[in-house]
Protein backbone atom coordinates (compact mmCIF):
# COMPACT_ATOMS: atom_id res chain seq x y z
CA UNK A 1 0.00 0.00 0.00
CA UNK A 2 1.41 3.34 -1.00
CA UNK A 3 0.53 6.60 0.74
CA UNK A 4 -1.59 9.07 -1.16
CA UNK A 5 0.27 12.24 -2.00
CA UNK A 6 -1.25 15.61 -1.34
CA UNK A 7 -2.54 17.59 1.58
CA UNK A 8 -3.35 15.48 4.62
CA UNK A 9 -6.36 16.34 6.75
CA UNK A 10 -5.18 17.34 10.25
CA UNK A 11 -7.69 14.98 11.88
CA UNK A 12 -6.23 11.90 10.17
CA UNK A 13 -2.59 12.62 10.94
CA UNK A 14 -1.22 9.75 13.01
CA UNK A 15 -4.47 7.82 12.83
CA UNK A 16 -5.04 4.49 11.14
CA UNK A 17 -8.66 5.40 10.47
CA UNK A 18 -9.36 7.75 7.55
CA UNK A 19 -11.27 10.93 8.31
CA UNK A 20 -13.67 12.48 5.84
CA UNK A 21 -14.31 16.11 6.72
CA UNK A 22 -17.81 16.14 5.26
CA UNK A 23 -19.05 12.76 6.51
CA UNK A 24 -22.04 12.19 8.72
CA UNK A 25 -23.94 15.30 7.66
CA UNK A 26 -21.78 17.54 9.85
CA UNK A 27 -20.09 19.53 7.10
CA UNK A 28 -19.34 23.07 8.20
CA UNK A 29 -19.73 22.21 11.89
CA UNK A 30 -17.16 20.96 14.36
CA UNK A 31 -17.87 17.81 16.35
CA UNK A 32 -17.76 18.06 20.11
CA UNK A 33 -15.89 15.15 21.66
CA UNK A 34 -17.74 13.79 24.70
CA UNK A 35 -16.11 11.41 27.16
CA UNK A 36 -18.08 8.16 27.57
CA UNK A 37 -16.68 7.82 31.08
CA UNK A 38 -17.52 11.15 32.75
CA UNK A 39 -19.63 12.81 30.00
CA UNK A 40 -17.20 15.74 29.96
CA UNK A 41 -16.47 17.64 26.74
CA UNK A 42 -13.14 17.85 24.98
CA UNK A 43 -11.54 14.50 25.83
CA UNK A 44 -12.04 10.76 25.35
CA UNK A 45 -12.45 8.10 28.04
CA UNK A 46 -8.91 6.76 27.55
CA UNK A 47 -7.58 10.25 28.45
CA UNK A 48 -10.09 10.78 31.30
CA UNK A 49 -8.60 11.55 34.72
CA UNK A 50 -11.74 10.53 36.64
CA UNK A 51 -12.26 6.97 37.96
CA UNK A 52 -13.68 4.43 35.51
CA UNK A 53 -17.44 4.56 35.19
CA UNK A 54 -19.39 1.70 36.79
CA UNK A 55 -21.11 -0.80 34.53
CA UNK A 56 -24.58 -0.08 35.89
CA UNK A 57 -28.04 0.21 34.29
CA UNK A 58 -27.15 3.59 32.74
CA UNK A 59 -24.00 2.10 31.17
CA UNK A 60 -25.98 -0.76 29.61
CA UNK A 61 -28.72 1.62 28.42
CA UNK A 62 -26.16 3.81 26.64
CA UNK A 63 -24.58 0.74 25.05
CA UNK A 64 -27.98 -0.46 23.73
CA UNK A 65 -28.75 3.00 22.30
CA UNK A 66 -25.41 3.06 20.47
CA UNK A 67 -26.00 -0.43 19.04
CA UNK A 68 -29.44 0.68 17.81
CA UNK A 69 -28.00 3.87 16.29
CA UNK A 70 -25.33 1.86 14.48
CA UNK A 71 -27.94 -0.63 13.23
CA UNK A 72 -29.97 2.30 11.83
CA UNK A 73 -26.96 3.41 9.78
CA UNK A 74 -25.87 6.32 11.97
CA UNK A 75 -22.14 7.06 11.76
CA UNK A 76 -20.59 6.76 15.21
CA UNK A 77 -17.58 8.70 16.48
CA UNK A 78 -14.35 6.92 17.40
CA UNK A 79 -15.07 7.19 21.13
CA UNK A 80 -18.53 5.67 20.67
CA UNK A 81 -17.04 2.77 18.71
CA UNK A 82 -14.45 2.24 21.46
CA UNK A 83 -17.27 2.18 24.02
CA UNK A 84 -19.13 -0.46 21.97
CA UNK A 85 -15.97 -2.58 21.75
CA UNK A 86 -15.58 -2.50 25.56
CA UNK A 87 -16.75 -5.93 26.82
CA UNK A 88 -17.70 -4.47 30.20
CA UNK A 89 -15.68 -6.90 32.28
CA UNK A 90 -16.04 -6.23 35.99
CA UNK A 91 -12.81 -5.35 37.71
């Protein structure tokens, strides 16, 4: 695989996942990153400084809603996909 020459989008630099600036119907607007752990803005759960969120009823409800959104064809953000991939093992 050869790299594509040209201008690289700043969001895809250093990422293995391609980023399309106009995807998901959000062209012209910036996405707000929301932490799935603390619900804070501007960071992802893996960078969160707060304790890990408990796997309670709210956690399972959010997971079900994301699965339904994905099944309906909604494009999920990287953090939402990471949350779906989390098996929810109890520590």
